[in-house]
Amino acid sequence: MHMPNGETSFIRIVLMLGGIGAVISLAKVLVGNEAITLRLIVGRTILGSGTSLLAGMALIHFPDIHILALVGVAAALGIMGSSVIEMALTRLLVRYLGRLKKENES
């Protein structure tokens, strides 16, 4: 993704990705069975925004990624939620640390 006006484009992308996660998280709160409280709404919105911002990591591997693909990645991460992402990262970390331990024992 080419950024003609680098800083402005970056800020717009961050706001867009965060907004996607916020809206998805808010929708999940509204359709859930839990009692809706301000704390729940704010907490889930912040968590969803942060989770969606992980989509920006796709720019590291694919700098010319189309904006719609980036939005799709952000939406997928927002829908999966932080618990699924945390579980996946934990598994990757355990594998990595296991390999390091085996290398150090050799």
N, C-alpha and C. Protein backbone atom coordinates (compact mmCIF):
# COMPACT_ATOMS: atom_id res chain seq x y z
N MET A 1 0.86 -1.16 0.00
CA MET A 1 0.00 0.00 0.00
C MET A 1 0.90 1.22 0.00
N HIS A 2 0.82 2.01 -1.02
CA HIS A 2 1.64 3.21 -1.12
C HIS A 2 0.99 4.32 -0.33
N MET A 3 1.79 5.02 0.44
CA MET A 3 1.28 6.10 1.26
C MET A 3 1.83 7.42 0.73
N PRO A 4 1.05 8.12 -0.08
CA PRO A 4 1.54 9.36 -0.66
C PRO A 4 1.90 10.40 0.39
N ASN A 5 1.07 10.54 1.37
CA ASN A 5 1.34 11.46 2.47
C ASN A 5 1.47 10.58 3.70
N GLY A 6 2.64 9.97 3.87
CA GLY A 6 2.90 8.92 4.83
C GLY A 6 2.22 9.01 6.17
N GLU A 7 2.43 10.10 6.88
CA GLU A 7 1.90 10.19 8.23
C GLU A 7 0.38 10.25 8.24
N THR A 8 -0.21 11.03 7.37
CA THR A 8 -1.66 11.15 7.31
C THR A 8 -2.29 9.82 6.93
N SER A 9 -1.72 9.14 5.96
CA SER A 9 -2.26 7.85 5.54
C SER A 9 -2.15 6.84 6.66
N PHE A 10 -1.04 6.85 7.39
CA PHE A 10 -0.86 5.92 8.49
C PHE A 10 -1.91 6.15 9.57
N ILE A 11 -2.15 7.39 9.91
CA ILE A 11 -3.16 7.71 10.93
C ILE A 11 -4.54 7.27 10.46
N ARG A 12 -4.85 7.49 9.20
CA ARG A 12 -6.15 7.07 8.67
C ARG A 12 -6.30 5.56 8.74
N ILE A 13 -5.24 4.82 8.42
CA ILE A 13 -5.30 3.36 8.46
C ILE A 13 -5.49 2.88 9.90
N VAL A 14 -4.76 3.46 10.83
CA VAL A 14 -4.89 3.07 12.24
C VAL A 14 -6.31 3.34 12.73
N LEU A 15 -6.85 4.50 12.41
CA LEU A 15 -8.22 4.82 12.83
C LEU A 15 -9.23 3.89 12.18
N MET A 16 -9.02 3.56 10.91
CA MET A 16 -9.94 2.67 10.21
C MET A 16 -9.92 1.27 10.82
N LEU A 17 -8.72 0.72 11.03
CA LEU A 17 -8.61 -0.63 11.59
C LEU A 17 -9.17 -0.68 13.01
N GLY A 18 -8.84 0.33 13.82
CA GLY A 18 -9.38 0.39 15.17
C GLY A 18 -10.88 0.54 15.19
N GLY A 19 -11.41 1.33 14.28
CA GLY A 19 -12.86 1.51 14.17
C GLY A 19 -13.58 0.24 13.80
N ILE A 20 -12.98 -0.54 12.91
CA ILE A 20 -13.59 -1.82 12.51
C ILE A 20 -13.71 -2.73 13.73
N GLY A 21 -12.64 -2.84 14.49
CA GLY A 21 -12.67 -3.68 15.69
C GLY A 21 -13.65 -3.18 16.73
N ALA A 22 -13.72 -1.86 16.88
CA ALA A 22 -14.65 -1.28 17.85
C ALA A 22 -16.09 -1.59 17.49
N VAL A 23 -16.44 -1.44 16.23
CA VAL A 23 -17.82 -1.70 15.79
C VAL A 23 -18.16 -3.18 15.95
N ILE A 24 -17.24 -4.06 15.57
CA ILE A 24 -17.49 -5.50 15.71
C ILE A 24 -17.67 -5.87 17.18
N SER A 25 -16.80 -5.35 18.04
CA SER A 25 -16.91 -5.66 19.47
C SER A 25 -18.20 -5.13 20.07
N LEU A 26 -18.60 -3.94 19.66
CA LEU A 26 -19.86 -3.37 20.14
C LEU A 26 -21.03 -4.24 19.70
N ALA A 27 -20.99 -4.70 18.46
CA ALA A 27 -22.06 -5.58 17.97
C ALA A 27 -22.10 -6.89 18.75
N LYS A 28 -20.93 -7.43 19.09
CA LYS A 28 -20.89 -8.67 19.86
C LYS A 28 -21.49 -8.47 21.26
N VAL A 29 -21.26 -7.30 21.85
CA VAL A 29 -21.85 -7.00 23.16
C VAL A 29 -23.37 -6.93 23.04
N LEU A 30 -23.84 -6.28 21.99
CA LEU A 30 -25.28 -6.09 21.83
C LEU A 30 -26.03 -7.39 21.58
N VAL A 31 -25.41 -8.35 20.89
CA VAL A 31 -26.11 -9.61 20.61
C VAL A 31 -25.83 -10.68 21.67
N GLY A 32 -24.94 -10.40 22.60
CA GLY A 32 -24.61 -11.37 23.64
C GLY A 32 -25.69 -11.47 24.70
N ASN A 33 -25.52 -12.46 25.58
CA ASN A 33 -26.49 -12.71 26.65
C ASN A 33 -26.14 -11.99 27.95
N GLU A 34 -24.97 -11.37 28.00
CA GLU A 34 -24.54 -10.70 29.22
C GLU A 34 -25.31 -9.39 29.41
N ALA A 35 -25.43 -9.00 30.68
CA ALA A 35 -26.05 -7.70 30.97
C ALA A 35 -25.16 -6.60 30.41
N ILE A 36 -25.76 -5.67 29.70
CA ILE A 36 -24.99 -4.60 29.06
C ILE A 36 -24.72 -3.51 30.08
N THR A 37 -23.43 -3.29 30.35
CA THR A 37 -23.00 -2.23 31.25
C THR A 37 -22.02 -1.34 30.50
N LEU A 38 -21.83 -0.15 30.99
CA LEU A 38 -20.88 0.78 30.38
C LEU A 38 -19.48 0.18 30.41
N ARG A 39 -19.14 -0.46 31.52
CA ARG A 39 -17.82 -1.08 31.66
C ARG A 39 -17.61 -2.15 30.59
N LEU A 40 -18.61 -2.98 30.35
CA LEU A 40 -18.52 -4.03 29.35
C LEU A 40 -18.37 -3.44 27.95
N ILE A 41 -19.16 -2.43 27.65
CA ILE A 41 -19.11 -1.79 26.33
C ILE A 41 -17.74 -1.16 26.09
N VAL A 42 -17.26 -0.39 27.04
CA VAL A 42 -15.97 0.29 26.88
C VAL A 42 -14.84 -0.72 26.81
N GLY A 43 -14.85 -1.69 27.70
CA GLY A 43 -13.79 -2.70 27.72
C GLY A 43 -13.71 -3.50 26.44
N ARG A 44 -14.84 -3.99 25.98
CA ARG A 44 -14.84 -4.79 24.74
C ARG A 44 -14.50 -3.94 23.52
N THR A 45 -14.92 -2.69 23.52
CA THR A 45 -14.60 -1.81 22.40
C THR A 45 -13.10 -1.55 22.32
N ILE A 46 -12.48 -1.29 23.46
CA ILE A 46 -11.03 -1.08 23.48
C ILE A 46 -10.31 -2.35 23.06
N LEU A 47 -10.74 -3.49 23.59
CA LEU A 47 -10.12 -4.77 23.25
C LEU A 47 -10.27 -5.09 21.77
N GLY A 48 -11.44 -4.85 21.22
CA GLY A 48 -11.67 -5.10 19.79
C GLY A 48 -10.86 -4.18 18.91
N SER A 49 -10.72 -2.94 19.31
CA SER A 49 -9.91 -1.99 18.55
C SER A 49 -8.45 -2.43 18.51
N GLY A 50 -7.95 -2.81 19.66
CA GLY A 50 -6.56 -3.27 19.72
C GLY A 50 -6.33 -4.53 18.93
N THR A 51 -7.29 -5.44 18.99
CA THR A 51 -7.18 -6.69 18.25
C THR A 51 -7.16 -6.43 16.75
N SER A 52 -8.00 -5.56 16.28
CA SER A 52 -8.05 -5.25 14.85
C SER A 52 -6.79 -4.56 14.36
N LEU A 53 -6.14 -3.83 15.24
CA LEU A 53 -4.91 -3.15 14.84
C LEU A 53 -3.80 -4.13 14.50
N LEU A 54 -3.93 -5.37 14.96
CA LEU A 54 -2.96 -6.40 14.58
C LEU A 54 -2.94 -6.63 13.08
N ALA A 55 -4.02 -6.26 12.41
CA ALA A 55 -4.06 -6.41 10.95
C ALA A 55 -2.99 -5.56 10.29
N GLY A 56 -2.56 -4.52 10.95
CA GLY A 56 -1.48 -3.70 10.41
C GLY A 56 -0.19 -4.47 10.21
N MET A 57 -0.05 -5.59 10.93
CA MET A 57 1.13 -6.43 10.75
C MET A 57 1.18 -7.02 9.35
N ALA A 58 0.04 -7.13 8.69
CA ALA A 58 0.03 -7.63 7.31
C ALA A 58 0.83 -6.70 6.40
N LEU A 59 0.89 -5.43 6.76
CA LEU A 59 1.66 -4.47 5.95
C LEU A 59 3.15 -4.75 5.99
N ILE A 60 3.60 -5.42 7.04
CA ILE A 60 5.02 -5.76 7.14
C ILE A 60 5.39 -6.77 6.06
N HIS A 61 4.55 -7.78 5.90
CA HIS A 61 4.83 -8.84 4.93
C HIS A 61 4.37 -8.48 3.53
N PHE A 62 3.30 -7.72 3.44
CA PHE A 62 2.72 -7.36 2.14
C PHE A 62 2.53 -5.85 2.06
N PRO A 63 3.61 -5.10 1.82
CA PRO A 63 3.50 -3.64 1.84
C PRO A 63 2.55 -3.07 0.78
N ASP A 64 2.31 -3.81 -0.29
CA ASP A 64 1.42 -3.32 -1.35
C ASP A 64 0.02 -3.93 -1.26
N ILE A 65 -0.36 -4.42 -0.08
CA ILE A 65 -1.66 -5.07 0.08
C ILE A 65 -2.78 -4.06 -0.23
N HIS A 66 -3.81 -4.55 -0.86
CA HIS A 66 -4.96 -3.70 -1.19
C HIS A 66 -5.72 -3.35 0.09
N ILE A 67 -6.27 -2.18 0.15
CA ILE A 67 -6.95 -1.70 1.36
C ILE A 67 -8.12 -2.61 1.74
N LEU A 68 -8.83 -3.18 0.76
CA LEU A 68 -9.95 -4.07 1.08
C LEU A 68 -9.46 -5.36 1.73
N ALA A 69 -8.31 -5.85 1.31
CA ALA A 69 -7.74 -7.04 1.94
C ALA A 69 -7.35 -6.73 3.38
N LEU A 70 -6.81 -5.56 3.62
CA LEU A 70 -6.44 -5.15 4.97
C LEU A 70 -7.68 -5.02 5.86
N VAL A 71 -8.74 -4.47 5.31
CA VAL A 71 -10.01 -4.37 6.05
C VAL A 71 -10.53 -5.77 6.37
N GLY A 72 -10.41 -6.69 5.43
CA GLY A 72 -10.85 -8.07 5.66
C GLY A 72 -10.07 -8.73 6.78
N VAL A 73 -8.77 -8.52 6.81
CA VAL A 73 -7.94 -9.08 7.89
C VAL A 73 -8.36 -8.47 9.22
N ALA A 74 -8.59 -7.17 9.25
CA ALA A 74 -9.02 -6.51 10.49
C ALA A 74 -10.37 -7.04 10.96
N ALA A 75 -11.29 -7.23 10.03
CA ALA A 75 -12.61 -7.75 10.40
C ALA A 75 -12.49 -9.17 10.93
N ALA A 76 -11.67 -9.99 10.28
CA ALA A 76 -11.50 -11.37 10.74
C ALA A 76 -10.92 -11.41 12.14
N LEU A 77 -9.92 -10.59 12.40
CA LEU A 77 -9.33 -10.54 13.74
C LEU A 77 -10.33 -10.02 14.76
N GLY A 78 -11.13 -9.04 14.38
CA GLY A 78 -12.15 -8.51 15.29
C GLY A 78 -13.20 -9.54 15.63
N ILE A 79 -13.58 -10.35 14.65
CA ILE A 79 -14.58 -11.39 14.88
C ILE A 79 -14.00 -12.52 15.72
N MET A 80 -12.77 -12.92 15.42
CA MET A 80 -12.14 -14.00 16.18
C MET A 80 -12.02 -13.63 17.65
N GLY A 81 -11.68 -12.40 17.88
CA GLY A 81 -11.58 -11.94 19.26
C GLY A 81 -10.21 -12.19 19.85
N SER A 82 -9.96 -11.54 20.95
CA SER A 82 -8.65 -11.59 21.58
C SER A 82 -8.34 -12.95 22.18
N SER A 83 -9.35 -13.68 22.64
CA SER A 83 -9.08 -14.98 23.27
C SER A 83 -8.52 -15.98 22.27
N VAL A 84 -9.04 -15.99 21.04
CA VAL A 84 -8.53 -16.90 20.01
C VAL A 84 -7.11 -16.50 19.62
N ILE A 85 -6.88 -15.22 19.47
CA ILE A 85 -5.54 -14.74 19.11
C ILE A 85 -4.55 -15.05 20.22
N GLU A 86 -4.97 -14.85 21.48
CA GLU A 86 -4.10 -15.16 22.62
C GLU A 86 -3.75 -16.64 22.63
N MET A 87 -4.73 -17.51 22.37
CA MET A 87 -4.49 -18.94 22.35
C MET A 87 -3.49 -19.31 21.24
N ALA A 88 -3.65 -18.73 20.06
CA ALA A 88 -2.74 -19.03 18.95
C ALA A 88 -1.33 -18.54 19.24
N LEU A 89 -1.20 -17.34 19.79
CA LEU A 89 0.12 -16.82 20.12
C LEU A 89 0.79 -17.63 21.23
N THR A 90 0.00 -18.11 22.19
CA THR A 90 0.55 -18.95 23.25
C THR A 90 1.10 -20.24 22.68
N ARG A 91 0.37 -20.87 21.77
CA ARG A 91 0.85 -22.10 21.14
C ARG A 91 2.15 -21.87 20.37
N LEU A 92 2.20 -20.77 19.61
CA LEU A 92 3.42 -20.46 18.86
C LEU A 92 4.60 -20.23 19.80
N LEU A 93 4.37 -19.52 20.90
CA LEU A 93 5.42 -19.24 21.85
C LEU A 93 5.92 -20.52 22.52
N VAL A 94 5.00 -21.42 22.88
CA VAL A 94 5.39 -22.68 23.51
C VAL A 94 6.25 -23.50 22.54
N ARG A 95 5.85 -23.55 21.27
CA ARG A 95 6.66 -24.27 20.27
C ARG A 95 8.04 -23.66 20.14
N TYR A 96 8.09 -22.33 20.05
CA TYR A 96 9.36 -21.64 19.89
C TYR A 96 10.27 -21.87 21.10
N LEU A 97 9.72 -21.74 22.30
CA LEU A 97 10.51 -21.95 23.50
C LEU A 97 10.96 -23.40 23.62
N GLY A 98 10.11 -24.34 23.17
CA GLY A 98 10.48 -25.75 23.17
C GLY A 98 11.67 -26.00 22.26
N ARG A 99 11.67 -25.38 21.09
CA ARG A 99 12.80 -25.53 20.17
C ARG A 99 14.07 -24.92 20.76
N LEU A 100 13.94 -23.76 21.38
CA LEU A 100 15.11 -23.13 22.00
C LEU A 100 15.69 -24.01 23.10
N LYS A 101 14.82 -24.62 23.88
CA LYS A 101 15.26 -25.48 24.97
C LYS A 101 16.02 -26.68 24.42
N LYS A 102 15.49 -27.30 23.35
CA LYS A 102 16.15 -28.45 22.74
C LYS A 102 17.52 -28.06 22.17
N GLU A 103 17.60 -26.88 21.55
CA GLU A 103 18.88 -26.42 20.99
C GLU A 103 19.90 -26.17 22.09
N ASN A 104 19.47 -25.64 23.21
CA ASN A 104 20.38 -25.36 24.32
C ASN A 104 20.84 -26.64 25.01
N GLU A 105 20.00 -27.67 25.01
CA GLU A 105 20.37 -28.94 25.63
C GLU A 105 21.36 -29.72 24.78
N SER A 106 21.37 -29.46 23.49
CA SER A 106 22.26 -30.20 22.58
C SER A 106 23.68 -29.74 22.66
